[in-house]
Amino acid sequence: MTQIKSILLILLFIISNPLLAQTNYYKMPDGKILSEDIFNKQRTDMIETGNVKVDVETGITRNDSIIKDVKLTFLDPFEKHREKIGTKFEIQKFKNKDGLNYSEDYLNGKPTLINFWATSCGPCVKEFPDLNRIKKQFKNSVNFVAISFDNSSKVENFLKKHKFDFEQITDSGIQLDSLKINAIPMSLLLDKNGKILKVYGGLITDNEKEVIETLKKSL
């Protein structure tokens, strides 16, 4: 009997306090309304990319539900990488054609230009001639490395039609995700010790003169 009374008291408390029974919903900028579980998962995924800032604003109460407005602010996807200037690029996370991880000192001794690209990225292919021209100027005095999440056979077949005269590191989806590299094309300039000097988001064409000058100073 005592247990039944306790349950009834709890039910009466919930009924008399509707806020405890209210369900939260989230209205996205496109008008789509998400449940709390789905929204929390999507918010985590968006925040982890480093490209989106998610804000939840005061909602509207409707019966037993609260509908909250979600505001998305899209950030510069390359800014988080500029914060790494002065740190050593983690080449040891990547694997060579034999499936072995590179030594952390693999790029030491020469300046390096690293380009991130994909076969499905039109702007990436568009800048191939500019990147090839830079490599032709410096030849073997600079490391020229291209990194893609595409598999080796796809890259090999693609480059039969599109000249890209860099050392190719392929099958790197896991590594690129871990480094939060999710916007391409992007290029890095490293000094002789493998430390990041410059980060260029988008086509390198607009910064070609600066890239050449930086590499010359780093020799």
N, C-alpha and C. Protein backbone atom coordinates (compact mmCIF):
# COMPACT_ATOMS: atom_id res chain seq x y z
N MET A 1 0.84 -1.21 0.00
CA MET A 1 0.00 0.00 0.00
C MET A 1 0.87 1.26 0.00
N THR A 2 1.89 1.23 0.81
CA THR A 2 2.82 2.36 0.90
C THR A 2 3.48 2.62 -0.44
N GLN A 3 3.84 1.52 -1.15
CA GLN A 3 4.49 1.64 -2.46
C GLN A 3 3.55 2.27 -3.48
N ILE A 4 2.28 1.87 -3.43
CA ILE A 4 1.28 2.43 -4.36
C ILE A 4 1.12 3.93 -4.12
N LYS A 5 1.08 4.32 -2.86
CA LYS A 5 0.96 5.75 -2.52
C LYS A 5 2.15 6.54 -3.05
N SER A 6 3.34 5.95 -2.95
CA SER A 6 4.55 6.63 -3.42
C SER A 6 4.51 6.86 -4.93
N ILE A 7 4.03 5.82 -5.65
CA ILE A 7 3.93 5.94 -7.11
C ILE A 7 2.92 7.01 -7.49
N LEU A 8 1.77 7.03 -6.79
CA LEU A 8 0.75 8.04 -7.07
C LEU A 8 1.27 9.45 -6.80
N LEU A 9 2.04 9.60 -5.74
CA LEU A 9 2.60 10.92 -5.42
C LEU A 9 3.56 11.39 -6.51
N ILE A 10 4.37 10.44 -7.03
CA ILE A 10 5.32 10.78 -8.09
C ILE A 10 4.58 11.21 -9.35
N LEU A 11 3.51 10.47 -9.70
CA LEU A 11 2.72 10.81 -10.88
C LEU A 11 2.06 12.18 -10.74
N LEU A 12 1.54 12.45 -9.55
CA LEU A 12 0.91 13.75 -9.30
C LEU A 12 1.93 14.87 -9.39
N PHE A 13 3.17 14.59 -8.95
CA PHE A 13 4.22 15.61 -9.00
C PHE A 13 4.58 15.94 -10.44
N ILE A 14 4.65 14.88 -11.28
CA ILE A 14 4.99 15.08 -12.69
C ILE A 14 3.89 15.85 -13.40
N ILE A 15 2.63 15.46 -13.12
CA ILE A 15 1.50 16.13 -13.77
C ILE A 15 1.43 17.59 -13.38
N SER A 16 1.72 17.88 -12.12
CA SER A 16 1.64 19.27 -11.64
C SER A 16 2.86 20.09 -12.04
N ASN A 17 3.88 19.43 -12.60
CA ASN A 17 5.09 20.13 -13.06
C ASN A 17 5.33 19.75 -14.51
N PRO A 18 4.58 20.34 -15.44
CA PRO A 18 4.65 19.94 -16.85
C PRO A 18 6.03 20.08 -17.46
N LEU A 19 6.89 20.96 -16.94
CA LEU A 19 8.22 21.12 -17.51
C LEU A 19 9.03 19.84 -17.43
N LEU A 20 8.74 19.01 -16.39
CA LEU A 20 9.49 17.77 -16.24
C LEU A 20 9.13 16.77 -17.34
N ALA A 21 7.92 16.89 -17.88
CA ALA A 21 7.47 15.94 -18.90
C ALA A 21 7.64 16.47 -20.31
N GLN A 22 8.13 17.70 -20.44
CA GLN A 22 8.24 18.27 -21.77
C GLN A 22 9.38 17.63 -22.55
N THR A 23 9.17 17.54 -23.86
CA THR A 23 10.16 16.96 -24.77
C THR A 23 10.78 18.07 -25.60
N ASN A 24 12.09 18.04 -25.73
CA ASN A 24 12.80 19.04 -26.51
C ASN A 24 12.91 18.61 -27.97
N TYR A 25 12.61 19.53 -28.87
CA TYR A 25 12.82 19.34 -30.29
C TYR A 25 13.66 20.51 -30.80
N TYR A 26 14.34 20.30 -31.93
CA TYR A 26 15.27 21.30 -32.43
C TYR A 26 14.98 21.61 -33.89
N LYS A 27 14.71 22.89 -34.15
CA LYS A 27 14.40 23.33 -35.50
C LYS A 27 15.68 23.81 -36.19
N MET A 28 16.07 23.10 -37.25
CA MET A 28 17.28 23.43 -37.99
C MET A 28 17.02 24.61 -38.92
N PRO A 29 18.09 25.28 -39.42
CA PRO A 29 17.91 26.43 -40.32
C PRO A 29 17.08 26.14 -41.56
N ASP A 30 17.09 24.87 -42.02
CA ASP A 30 16.30 24.53 -43.21
C ASP A 30 14.85 24.20 -42.88
N GLY A 31 14.46 24.36 -41.59
CA GLY A 31 13.09 24.11 -41.17
C GLY A 31 12.83 22.71 -40.66
N LYS A 32 13.79 21.81 -40.85
CA LYS A 32 13.61 20.44 -40.38
C LYS A 32 13.65 20.39 -38.86
N ILE A 33 12.74 19.64 -38.26
CA ILE A 33 12.68 19.53 -36.80
C ILE A 33 13.21 18.15 -36.39
N LEU A 34 14.18 18.15 -35.49
CA LEU A 34 14.84 16.91 -35.07
C LEU A 34 14.52 16.60 -33.62
N SER A 35 14.48 15.31 -33.31
CA SER A 35 14.36 14.90 -31.91
C SER A 35 15.67 15.20 -31.20
N GLU A 36 15.63 15.15 -29.88
CA GLU A 36 16.83 15.49 -29.10
C GLU A 36 17.98 14.53 -29.38
N ASP A 37 17.69 13.23 -29.47
CA ASP A 37 18.74 12.25 -29.71
C ASP A 37 19.42 12.47 -31.06
N ILE A 38 18.60 12.67 -32.10
CA ILE A 38 19.16 12.87 -33.44
C ILE A 38 19.94 14.17 -33.51
N PHE A 39 19.39 15.22 -32.89
CA PHE A 39 20.09 16.51 -32.91
C PHE A 39 21.43 16.43 -32.20
N ASN A 40 21.47 15.79 -31.04
CA ASN A 40 22.72 15.69 -30.29
C ASN A 40 23.79 14.96 -31.09
N LYS A 41 23.38 13.92 -31.83
CA LYS A 41 24.35 13.19 -32.66
C LYS A 41 24.85 14.08 -33.79
N GLN A 42 23.93 14.78 -34.46
CA GLN A 42 24.34 15.64 -35.57
C GLN A 42 25.20 16.80 -35.07
N ARG A 43 24.86 17.34 -33.92
CA ARG A 43 25.66 18.44 -33.36
C ARG A 43 27.08 17.98 -33.07
N THR A 44 27.22 16.79 -32.49
CA THR A 44 28.56 16.26 -32.20
C THR A 44 29.35 16.09 -33.49
N ASP A 45 28.70 15.53 -34.53
CA ASP A 45 29.38 15.32 -35.81
C ASP A 45 29.82 16.65 -36.42
N MET A 46 28.94 17.67 -36.37
CA MET A 46 29.27 18.97 -36.96
C MET A 46 30.40 19.66 -36.21
N ILE A 47 30.34 19.61 -34.89
CA ILE A 47 31.37 20.28 -34.08
C ILE A 47 32.73 19.62 -34.29
N GLU A 48 32.73 18.28 -34.42
CA GLU A 48 33.99 17.56 -34.57
C GLU A 48 34.72 17.91 -35.87
N THR A 49 33.98 18.34 -36.89
CA THR A 49 34.64 18.73 -38.13
C THR A 49 35.46 19.99 -37.94
N GLY A 50 35.09 20.81 -36.96
CA GLY A 50 35.77 22.09 -36.75
C GLY A 50 35.33 23.15 -37.73
N ASN A 51 34.31 22.84 -38.54
CA ASN A 51 33.88 23.78 -39.58
C ASN A 51 32.59 24.50 -39.25
N VAL A 52 31.91 24.08 -38.18
CA VAL A 52 30.60 24.63 -37.86
C VAL A 52 30.50 24.95 -36.38
N LYS A 53 29.93 26.13 -36.08
CA LYS A 53 29.62 26.50 -34.70
C LYS A 53 28.10 26.35 -34.53
N VAL A 54 27.68 25.61 -33.51
CA VAL A 54 26.27 25.32 -33.31
C VAL A 54 25.76 26.03 -32.06
N ASP A 55 24.75 26.86 -32.22
CA ASP A 55 24.13 27.57 -31.09
C ASP A 55 22.66 27.21 -31.03
N VAL A 56 22.15 26.99 -29.80
CA VAL A 56 20.74 26.70 -29.59
C VAL A 56 20.10 27.89 -28.90
N GLU A 57 19.06 28.42 -29.52
CA GLU A 57 18.40 29.61 -29.00
C GLU A 57 17.11 29.23 -28.26
N THR A 58 16.60 30.17 -27.47
CA THR A 58 15.39 29.94 -26.68
C THR A 58 14.26 29.48 -27.58
N GLY A 59 13.56 28.44 -27.13
CA GLY A 59 12.53 27.86 -27.97
C GLY A 59 11.12 28.30 -27.64
N ILE A 60 10.18 27.75 -28.39
CA ILE A 60 8.76 28.01 -28.20
C ILE A 60 8.13 26.80 -27.53
N THR A 61 7.36 27.04 -26.46
CA THR A 61 6.69 25.94 -25.77
C THR A 61 5.33 25.69 -26.40
N ARG A 62 5.10 24.44 -26.75
CA ARG A 62 3.82 24.04 -27.32
C ARG A 62 3.33 22.78 -26.60
N ASN A 63 2.30 22.95 -25.80
CA ASN A 63 1.77 21.84 -25.00
C ASN A 63 2.87 21.19 -24.18
N ASP A 64 3.21 19.94 -24.51
CA ASP A 64 4.23 19.24 -23.73
C ASP A 64 5.58 19.22 -24.44
N SER A 65 5.78 20.12 -25.40
CA SER A 65 7.04 20.14 -26.16
C SER A 65 7.65 21.53 -26.20
N ILE A 66 8.97 21.57 -26.31
CA ILE A 66 9.70 22.83 -26.52
C ILE A 66 10.46 22.70 -27.83
N ILE A 67 10.19 23.61 -28.76
CA ILE A 67 10.89 23.62 -30.04
C ILE A 67 11.93 24.72 -30.02
N LYS A 68 13.21 24.33 -30.04
CA LYS A 68 14.31 25.28 -29.94
C LYS A 68 14.91 25.54 -31.31
N ASP A 69 15.23 26.80 -31.58
CA ASP A 69 15.84 27.16 -32.86
C ASP A 69 17.34 26.91 -32.81
N VAL A 70 17.86 26.36 -33.89
CA VAL A 70 19.29 26.07 -33.99
C VAL A 70 19.91 27.03 -35.00
N LYS A 71 21.00 27.66 -34.59
CA LYS A 71 21.72 28.58 -35.47
C LYS A 71 23.09 27.97 -35.80
N LEU A 72 23.39 27.89 -37.09
CA LEU A 72 24.68 27.35 -37.54
C LEU A 72 25.54 28.46 -38.11
N THR A 73 26.77 28.55 -37.63
CA THR A 73 27.72 29.52 -38.17
C THR A 73 28.86 28.74 -38.82
N PHE A 74 29.01 28.90 -40.12
CA PHE A 74 30.05 28.15 -40.84
C PHE A 74 31.39 28.88 -40.73
N LEU A 75 32.39 28.17 -40.25
CA LEU A 75 33.70 28.73 -39.98
C LEU A 75 34.65 28.48 -41.14
N ASP A 76 35.75 29.21 -41.16
CA ASP A 76 36.81 28.96 -42.14
C ASP A 76 37.39 27.57 -41.86
N PRO A 77 37.21 26.60 -42.76
CA PRO A 77 37.66 25.23 -42.48
C PRO A 77 39.17 25.08 -42.38
N PHE A 78 39.91 26.13 -42.78
CA PHE A 78 41.37 26.03 -42.76
C PHE A 78 41.98 26.71 -41.53
N GLU A 79 41.17 27.46 -40.80
CA GLU A 79 41.69 28.22 -39.66
C GLU A 79 42.25 27.30 -38.58
N LYS A 80 41.57 26.17 -38.36
CA LYS A 80 42.04 25.24 -37.32
C LYS A 80 43.41 24.68 -37.65
N HIS A 81 43.75 24.64 -38.94
CA HIS A 81 45.07 24.15 -39.35
C HIS A 81 46.13 25.25 -39.23
N ARG A 82 45.72 26.49 -39.40
CA ARG A 82 46.67 27.61 -39.22
C ARG A 82 47.12 27.69 -37.77
N GLU A 83 46.29 27.21 -36.87
CA GLU A 83 46.67 27.20 -35.45
C GLU A 83 47.83 26.24 -35.18
N LYS A 84 48.11 25.36 -36.15
CA LYS A 84 49.20 24.38 -35.99
C LYS A 84 50.52 24.89 -36.56
N ILE A 85 50.53 26.11 -37.09
CA ILE A 85 51.79 26.67 -37.60
C ILE A 85 52.84 26.67 -36.48
N GLY A 86 54.03 26.18 -36.81
CA GLY A 86 55.09 26.08 -35.81
C GLY A 86 55.21 24.69 -35.21
N THR A 87 54.21 23.83 -35.47
CA THR A 87 54.27 22.45 -34.98
C THR A 87 54.69 21.53 -36.12
N LYS A 88 55.15 20.35 -35.77
CA LYS A 88 55.65 19.42 -36.78
C LYS A 88 54.49 18.65 -37.41
N PHE A 89 54.50 18.57 -38.73
CA PHE A 89 53.47 17.81 -39.43
C PHE A 89 53.66 16.33 -39.14
N GLU A 90 52.58 15.63 -38.85
CA GLU A 90 52.66 14.23 -38.41
C GLU A 90 52.67 13.27 -39.60
N ILE A 91 53.76 13.29 -40.33
CA ILE A 91 53.90 12.41 -41.49
C ILE A 91 53.91 10.94 -41.06
N GLN A 92 54.31 10.67 -39.81
CA GLN A 92 54.37 9.30 -39.31
C GLN A 92 53.00 8.64 -39.21
N LYS A 93 51.93 9.41 -39.30
CA LYS A 93 50.59 8.83 -39.29
C LYS A 93 50.26 8.14 -40.61
N PHE A 94 50.98 8.50 -41.66
CA PHE A 94 50.67 8.02 -43.00
C PHE A 94 51.53 6.82 -43.39
N LYS A 95 51.01 6.05 -44.37
CA LYS A 95 51.70 4.83 -44.79
C LYS A 95 52.22 4.96 -46.22
N ASN A 96 53.36 4.30 -46.48
CA ASN A 96 53.92 4.30 -47.82
C ASN A 96 53.30 3.19 -48.66
N LYS A 97 53.79 2.98 -49.87
CA LYS A 97 53.22 1.99 -50.77
C LYS A 97 53.34 0.56 -50.25
N ASP A 98 54.27 0.36 -49.31
CA ASP A 98 54.45 -0.97 -48.72
C ASP A 98 53.59 -1.17 -47.47
N GLY A 99 52.78 -0.15 -47.14
CA GLY A 99 51.91 -0.26 -45.97
C GLY A 99 52.60 0.03 -44.65
N LEU A 100 53.79 0.61 -44.72
CA LEU A 100 54.56 0.92 -43.51
C LEU A 100 54.45 2.42 -43.21
N ASN A 101 54.39 2.73 -41.94
CA ASN A 101 54.32 4.14 -41.56
C ASN A 101 55.64 4.85 -41.85
N TYR A 102 55.53 6.07 -42.33
CA TYR A 102 56.73 6.88 -42.56
C TYR A 102 57.39 7.20 -41.22
N SER A 103 58.70 7.39 -41.26
CA SER A 103 59.42 7.88 -40.09
C SER A 103 59.00 9.33 -39.83
N GLU A 104 58.98 9.73 -38.58
CA GLU A 104 58.62 11.11 -38.25
C GLU A 104 59.64 12.10 -38.80
N ASP A 105 60.82 11.62 -39.19
CA ASP A 105 61.86 12.50 -39.74
C ASP A 105 61.95 12.37 -41.27
N TYR A 106 60.96 11.73 -41.88
CA TYR A 106 61.01 11.44 -43.31
C TYR A 106 61.19 12.70 -44.15
N LEU A 107 60.57 13.79 -43.75
CA LEU A 107 60.62 15.02 -44.55
C LEU A 107 61.75 15.97 -44.11
N ASN A 108 62.49 15.60 -43.10
CA ASN A 108 63.55 16.47 -42.59
C ASN A 108 64.68 16.65 -43.61
N GLY A 109 65.32 17.82 -43.56
CA GLY A 109 66.48 18.09 -44.41
C GLY A 109 66.17 18.97 -45.60
N LYS A 110 64.90 19.03 -46.01
CA LYS A 110 64.48 19.88 -47.12
C LYS A 110 63.16 20.57 -46.74
N PRO A 111 62.91 21.74 -47.33
CA PRO A 111 61.56 22.30 -47.20
C PRO A 111 60.59 21.35 -47.91
N THR A 112 59.31 21.45 -47.56
CA THR A 112 58.32 20.54 -48.13
C THR A 112 57.05 21.29 -48.51
N LEU A 113 56.49 20.90 -49.65
CA LEU A 113 55.15 21.36 -50.04
C LEU A 113 54.26 20.13 -50.05
N ILE A 114 53.23 20.14 -49.19
CA ILE A 114 52.26 19.04 -49.13
C ILE A 114 50.93 19.55 -49.67
N ASN A 115 50.36 18.79 -50.59
CA ASN A 115 49.06 19.15 -51.17
C ASN A 115 48.05 18.04 -50.87
N PHE A 116 46.87 18.43 -50.37
CA PHE A 116 45.80 17.48 -50.09
C PHE A 116 44.77 17.59 -51.20
N TRP A 117 44.41 16.45 -51.79
CA TRP A 117 43.54 16.48 -52.95
C TRP A 117 42.72 15.20 -53.05
N ALA A 118 41.81 15.15 -54.06
CA ALA A 118 41.03 13.95 -54.34
C ALA A 118 40.68 13.95 -55.82
N THR A 119 40.48 12.77 -56.36
CA THR A 119 40.15 12.66 -57.78
C THR A 119 38.81 13.31 -58.11
N SER A 120 37.92 13.39 -57.12
CA SER A 120 36.59 13.96 -57.33
C SER A 120 36.55 15.48 -57.12
N CYS A 121 37.69 16.07 -56.80
CA CYS A 121 37.76 17.50 -56.48
C CYS A 121 38.21 18.29 -57.71
N GLY A 122 37.28 18.99 -58.35
CA GLY A 122 37.59 19.77 -59.55
C GLY A 122 38.65 20.83 -59.33
N PRO A 123 38.53 21.66 -58.27
CA PRO A 123 39.56 22.68 -58.02
C PRO A 123 40.94 22.07 -57.79
N CYS A 124 40.99 20.87 -57.20
CA CYS A 124 42.28 20.21 -56.98
C CYS A 124 42.98 19.95 -58.31
N VAL A 125 42.22 19.42 -59.25
CA VAL A 125 42.79 19.11 -60.57
C VAL A 125 43.17 20.39 -61.30
N LYS A 126 42.40 21.43 -61.10
CA LYS A 126 42.66 22.71 -61.77
C LYS A 126 44.01 23.29 -61.39
N GLU A 127 44.47 23.02 -60.15
CA GLU A 127 45.74 23.60 -59.71
C GLU A 127 46.94 22.71 -60.00
N PHE A 128 46.73 21.54 -60.60
CA PHE A 128 47.85 20.66 -60.94
C PHE A 128 48.94 21.38 -61.73
N PRO A 129 48.61 22.14 -62.80
CA PRO A 129 49.67 22.80 -63.57
C PRO A 129 50.50 23.76 -62.73
N ASP A 130 49.88 24.46 -61.80
CA ASP A 130 50.61 25.40 -60.94
C ASP A 130 51.54 24.65 -60.00
N LEU A 131 51.05 23.56 -59.44
CA LEU A 131 51.89 22.76 -58.54
C LEU A 131 53.04 22.11 -59.30
N ASN A 132 52.77 21.62 -60.51
CA ASN A 132 53.84 21.01 -61.32
C ASN A 132 54.90 22.05 -61.69
N ARG A 133 54.46 23.27 -61.96
CA ARG A 133 55.39 24.34 -62.32
C ARG A 133 56.30 24.69 -61.14
N ILE A 134 55.74 24.71 -59.94
CA ILE A 134 56.56 24.98 -58.75
C ILE A 134 57.58 23.87 -58.55
N LYS A 135 57.14 22.63 -58.72
CA LYS A 135 58.08 21.51 -58.56
C LYS A 135 59.19 21.55 -59.59
N LYS A 136 58.85 21.91 -60.82
CA LYS A 136 59.86 21.99 -61.88
C LYS A 136 60.92 23.03 -61.55
N GLN A 137 60.51 24.10 -60.89
CA GLN A 137 61.45 25.16 -60.54
C GLN A 137 62.44 24.71 -59.46
N PHE A 138 61.96 23.95 -58.47
CA PHE A 138 62.82 23.58 -57.34
C PHE A 138 63.42 22.19 -57.47
N LYS A 139 62.85 21.37 -58.34
CA LYS A 139 63.36 20.02 -58.59
C LYS A 139 63.51 19.24 -57.29
N ASN A 140 64.70 18.71 -57.03
CA ASN A 140 64.89 17.84 -55.87
C ASN A 140 65.34 18.58 -54.61
N SER A 141 65.36 19.91 -54.65
CA SER A 141 65.77 20.66 -53.46
C SER A 141 64.63 20.81 -52.46
N VAL A 142 63.41 20.41 -52.85
CA VAL A 142 62.22 20.51 -52.00
C VAL A 142 61.47 19.18 -52.08
N ASN A 143 60.89 18.74 -50.97
CA ASN A 143 60.00 17.58 -50.99
C ASN A 143 58.63 18.02 -51.52
N PHE A 144 58.10 17.29 -52.48
CA PHE A 144 56.77 17.57 -52.99
C PHE A 144 55.90 16.33 -52.79
N VAL A 145 54.91 16.46 -51.92
CA VAL A 145 54.09 15.31 -51.50
C VAL A 145 52.61 15.63 -51.68
N ALA A 146 51.88 14.70 -52.26
CA ALA A 146 50.42 14.84 -52.41
C ALA A 146 49.75 13.73 -51.61
N ILE A 147 48.70 14.08 -50.87
CA ILE A 147 48.01 13.11 -50.00
C ILE A 147 46.53 13.08 -50.35
N SER A 148 46.00 11.86 -50.52
CA SER A 148 44.60 11.70 -50.88
C SER A 148 43.97 10.54 -50.12
N PHE A 149 42.64 10.62 -49.89
CA PHE A 149 41.94 9.50 -49.28
C PHE A 149 41.60 8.43 -50.32
N ASP A 150 41.74 8.76 -51.61
CA ASP A 150 41.47 7.79 -52.67
C ASP A 150 42.46 6.63 -52.60
N ASN A 151 42.01 5.45 -53.07
CA ASN A 151 42.93 4.31 -53.04
C ASN A 151 43.97 4.40 -54.15
N SER A 152 45.00 3.61 -54.03
CA SER A 152 46.16 3.73 -54.92
C SER A 152 45.82 3.46 -56.38
N SER A 153 44.99 2.45 -56.64
CA SER A 153 44.66 2.13 -58.03
C SER A 153 43.84 3.25 -58.68
N LYS A 154 42.94 3.85 -57.91
CA LYS A 154 42.13 4.95 -58.44
C LYS A 154 43.01 6.14 -58.77
N VAL A 155 43.95 6.46 -57.88
CA VAL A 155 44.86 7.57 -58.12
C VAL A 155 45.76 7.29 -59.31
N GLU A 156 46.29 6.07 -59.37
CA GLU A 156 47.19 5.70 -60.47
C GLU A 156 46.49 5.84 -61.82
N ASN A 157 45.27 5.34 -61.92
CA ASN A 157 44.52 5.43 -63.18
C ASN A 157 44.16 6.87 -63.52
N PHE A 158 43.83 7.65 -62.50
CA PHE A 158 43.46 9.05 -62.71
C PHE A 158 44.65 9.85 -63.25
N LEU A 159 45.83 9.58 -62.69
CA LEU A 159 47.02 10.35 -63.07
C LEU A 159 47.59 9.93 -64.43
N LYS A 160 47.02 8.90 -65.04
CA LYS A 160 47.40 8.57 -66.41
C LYS A 160 46.85 9.61 -67.38
N LYS A 161 45.79 10.29 -66.96
CA LYS A 161 45.17 11.33 -67.78
C LYS A 161 45.45 12.74 -67.29
N HIS A 162 45.88 12.86 -66.04
CA HIS A 162 46.12 14.18 -65.45
C HIS A 162 47.50 14.17 -64.79
N LYS A 163 48.41 14.93 -65.31
CA LYS A 163 49.77 14.94 -64.78
C LYS A 163 49.83 15.67 -63.43
N PHE A 164 50.37 14.97 -62.45
CA PHE A 164 50.57 15.56 -61.12
C PHE A 164 51.86 14.97 -60.59
N ASP A 165 52.94 15.69 -60.75
CA ASP A 165 54.28 15.16 -60.58
C ASP A 165 54.78 15.24 -59.13
N PHE A 166 53.94 14.82 -58.18
CA PHE A 166 54.31 14.80 -56.77
C PHE A 166 54.40 13.34 -56.31
N GLU A 167 55.13 13.12 -55.21
CA GLU A 167 55.07 11.81 -54.55
C GLU A 167 53.64 11.64 -54.00
N GLN A 168 53.02 10.51 -54.31
CA GLN A 168 51.63 10.30 -53.95
C GLN A 168 51.50 9.38 -52.72
N ILE A 169 50.76 9.89 -51.72
CA ILE A 169 50.39 9.08 -50.56
C ILE A 169 48.88 8.88 -50.63
N THR A 170 48.45 7.63 -50.74
CA THR A 170 47.03 7.33 -50.98
C THR A 170 46.42 6.57 -49.79
N ASP A 171 45.13 6.22 -49.94
CA ASP A 171 44.43 5.40 -48.93
C ASP A 171 44.52 6.02 -47.53
N SER A 172 44.37 7.33 -47.45
CA SER A 172 44.66 8.05 -46.20
C SER A 172 43.42 8.63 -45.52
N GLY A 173 42.25 8.03 -45.76
CA GLY A 173 41.03 8.55 -45.18
C GLY A 173 41.05 8.60 -43.66
N ILE A 174 41.52 7.54 -43.03
CA ILE A 174 41.55 7.49 -41.56
C ILE A 174 42.47 8.56 -41.01
N GLN A 175 43.65 8.71 -41.62
CA GLN A 175 44.61 9.70 -41.15
C GLN A 175 44.09 11.13 -41.34
N LEU A 176 43.47 11.39 -42.48
CA LEU A 176 42.94 12.73 -42.74
C LEU A 176 41.81 13.06 -41.78
N ASP A 177 40.99 12.07 -41.44
CA ASP A 177 39.93 12.29 -40.47
C ASP A 177 40.52 12.62 -39.10
N SER A 178 41.56 11.90 -38.72
CA SER A 178 42.17 12.13 -37.40
C SER A 178 42.80 13.51 -37.29
N LEU A 179 43.27 14.04 -38.42
CA LEU A 179 43.85 15.38 -38.45
C LEU A 179 42.80 16.45 -38.79
N LYS A 180 41.52 16.01 -38.94
CA LYS A 180 40.41 16.92 -39.26
C LYS A 180 40.65 17.70 -40.56
N ILE A 181 41.27 17.02 -41.51
CA ILE A 181 41.46 17.63 -42.83
C ILE A 181 40.27 17.22 -43.69
N ASN A 182 39.28 18.10 -43.79
CA ASN A 182 38.04 17.76 -44.48
C ASN A 182 37.61 18.83 -45.47
N ALA A 183 38.54 19.70 -45.82
CA ALA A 183 38.29 20.71 -46.86
C ALA A 183 39.50 20.74 -47.78
N ILE A 184 39.26 20.53 -49.07
CA ILE A 184 40.34 20.52 -50.05
C ILE A 184 39.94 21.32 -51.27
N PRO A 185 40.92 21.80 -52.05
CA PRO A 185 42.36 21.59 -51.88
C PRO A 185 42.93 22.41 -50.72
N MET A 186 43.97 21.86 -50.13
CA MET A 186 44.71 22.58 -49.09
C MET A 186 46.18 22.23 -49.26
N SER A 187 47.04 23.20 -49.02
CA SER A 187 48.49 22.96 -49.13
C SER A 187 49.20 23.47 -47.90
N LEU A 188 50.25 22.76 -47.51
CA LEU A 188 51.10 23.16 -46.39
C LEU A 188 52.52 23.37 -46.88
N LEU A 189 53.18 24.36 -46.31
CA LEU A 189 54.63 24.51 -46.50
C LEU A 189 55.30 24.19 -45.18
N LEU A 190 56.31 23.33 -45.24
CA LEU A 190 57.06 22.94 -44.05
C LEU A 190 58.50 23.40 -44.17
N ASP A 191 59.14 23.67 -43.04
CA ASP A 191 60.56 24.02 -43.07
C ASP A 191 61.40 22.74 -43.12
N LYS A 192 62.71 22.87 -43.01
CA LYS A 192 63.60 21.71 -43.13
C LYS A 192 63.45 20.71 -41.99
N ASN A 193 62.80 21.14 -40.91
CA ASN A 193 62.58 20.25 -39.77
C ASN A 193 61.17 19.67 -39.74
N GLY A 194 60.44 19.90 -40.82
CA GLY A 194 59.10 19.34 -40.90
C GLY A 194 58.04 20.14 -40.17
N LYS A 195 58.38 21.36 -39.75
CA LYS A 195 57.41 22.20 -39.03
C LYS A 195 56.62 23.06 -40.02
N ILE A 196 55.34 23.24 -39.71
CA ILE A 196 54.45 23.97 -40.61
C ILE A 196 54.77 25.46 -40.62
N LEU A 197 54.99 25.99 -41.81
CA LEU A 197 55.26 27.42 -41.99
C LEU A 197 54.02 28.18 -42.46
N LYS A 198 53.32 27.59 -43.43
CA LYS A 198 52.18 28.26 -44.05
C LYS A 198 51.07 27.23 -44.32
N VAL A 199 49.83 27.71 -44.28
CA VAL A 199 48.68 26.89 -44.63
C VAL A 199 47.87 27.65 -45.68
N TYR A 200 47.64 27.01 -46.82
CA TYR A 200 46.88 27.64 -47.90
C TYR A 200 45.61 26.83 -48.17
N GLY A 201 44.47 27.46 -47.98
CA GLY A 201 43.20 26.82 -48.27
C GLY A 201 42.70 27.25 -49.64
N GLY A 202 42.16 26.30 -50.40
CA GLY A 202 41.72 26.62 -51.75
C GLY A 202 42.88 26.54 -52.73
N LEU A 203 42.65 27.09 -53.92
CA LEU A 203 43.67 27.03 -54.97
C LEU A 203 44.96 27.73 -54.55
N ILE A 204 46.07 27.07 -54.81
CA ILE A 204 47.36 27.66 -54.47
C ILE A 204 47.73 28.75 -55.48
N THR A 205 47.01 28.79 -56.59
CA THR A 205 47.28 29.74 -57.67
C THR A 205 47.38 31.17 -57.19
N ASP A 206 46.46 31.55 -56.30
CA ASP A 206 46.41 32.93 -55.81
C ASP A 206 47.60 33.29 -54.93
N ASN A 207 48.30 32.27 -54.45
CA ASN A 207 49.42 32.51 -53.53
C ASN A 207 50.74 31.96 -54.09
N GLU A 208 50.78 31.70 -55.38
CA GLU A 208 51.95 31.05 -55.97
C GLU A 208 53.25 31.83 -55.73
N LYS A 209 53.19 33.14 -55.89
CA LYS A 209 54.39 33.96 -55.69
C LYS A 209 54.90 33.85 -54.26
N GLU A 210 53.98 33.90 -53.29
CA GLU A 210 54.39 33.80 -51.88
C GLU A 210 54.94 32.41 -51.59
N VAL A 211 54.34 31.39 -52.17
CA VAL A 211 54.82 30.03 -51.97
C VAL A 211 56.25 29.89 -52.45
N ILE A 212 56.53 30.40 -53.62
CA ILE A 212 57.89 30.31 -54.19
C ILE A 212 58.89 31.06 -53.32
N GLU A 213 58.52 32.25 -52.88
CA GLU A 213 59.42 33.05 -52.05
C GLU A 213 59.69 32.35 -50.71
N THR A 214 58.66 31.76 -50.12
CA THR A 214 58.83 31.07 -48.84
C THR A 214 59.73 29.86 -48.98
N LEU A 215 59.56 29.11 -50.06
CA LEU A 215 60.41 27.94 -50.30
C LEU A 215 61.87 28.34 -50.52
N LYS A 216 62.07 29.44 -51.25
CA LYS A 216 63.44 29.92 -51.50
C LYS A 216 64.13 30.29 -50.18
N LYS A 217 63.39 30.95 -49.30
CA LYS A 217 63.97 31.36 -48.02
C LYS A 217 64.25 30.17 -47.10
N SER A 218 63.55 29.06 -47.36
CA SER A 218 63.66 27.90 -46.50
C SER A 218 64.74 26.92 -46.94
N LEU A 219 65.34 27.15 -48.11
CA LEU A 219 66.36 26.23 -48.63
C LEU A 219 67.62 26.26 -47.77
